[in-house]
């Protein structure tokens, strides 16, 4: 019988998982995880009290998750892991629109609207904005029939799934580009807001002395047949939190500049009043396998 000690335990654990795990990729992941995890425990000389607090922290994180909220995704976001995974899996090298994190409040099956329709189901008193742009391939040619799944917080800083007083799918919608690759929708100019702090992520941010604010943005998932799906944000120029995003998701190429417009013809076309905020932001997709 062999004794398990601080000197040999890591080697034995790695041998067990390394020799008995059949799937090569899983073997690579689990052995690397175990090696780093054991090294961390030894490095900080983790106490039993700290170990149990970590267990309870993860337990409480799981308890915060439901069909409307994913606290583990939010935790991954504020630790910078989500952006690291995104950067590894979606290197753009200057080609196509850059991606960023999905976030914890994406909801599938939003309603599909005609181009130019509004996603405002409940007026929260925000500044009305018209968002327009074009979806193109790497050569700048338009992509017709591309889908843009968009969502954002309302003017009160909450997503619909956070606020029971909001109607379902408020500030969400799916739009399809026309034959020239154009898209358009009416929304509220987004505002900076706090990520939820009533769960374990709030505990972590508070203990770390970090704020919970995200710069103003609109979420996009852009997809088209034959092209890689793009998950991204468009951030608002001039926002005070662009350099300190709680989830480390900002990129300079994703900053859009809202301009005040007094174009009464355009206002009438989209059934809004002038003046209004106007944003133009084009999206570039990469063909599947091009990266």
Foldseek 3Di string as FASTA:
>chain_A
DDDQDLVCPLVVVLCVLLVPPDDPVVNVVVNVVSVVVSVVCVVVVDDPVNVVVVVVQVVQQVVPDDPAFRSVLVVCLLVLNQQVVQCVVDPQVPFWDRFFGQDGGDDPDAAADEFLEELAPDAPPFFKEKEKEFEEARVRAGDFFKKKWKAFAHPVQDGCSVDVVDDPSRRIYMYTAHPRRMGMYMYGQFAKHFDDLPTSVVVVCVVVVAGRIAATWMWIWIDDPQWDIGTHIQGEPPTPCLPPGSRPTHDPSRYWYWDFDQPQVVCVVSVHHPGGTYTYDYGYTYGPPPD
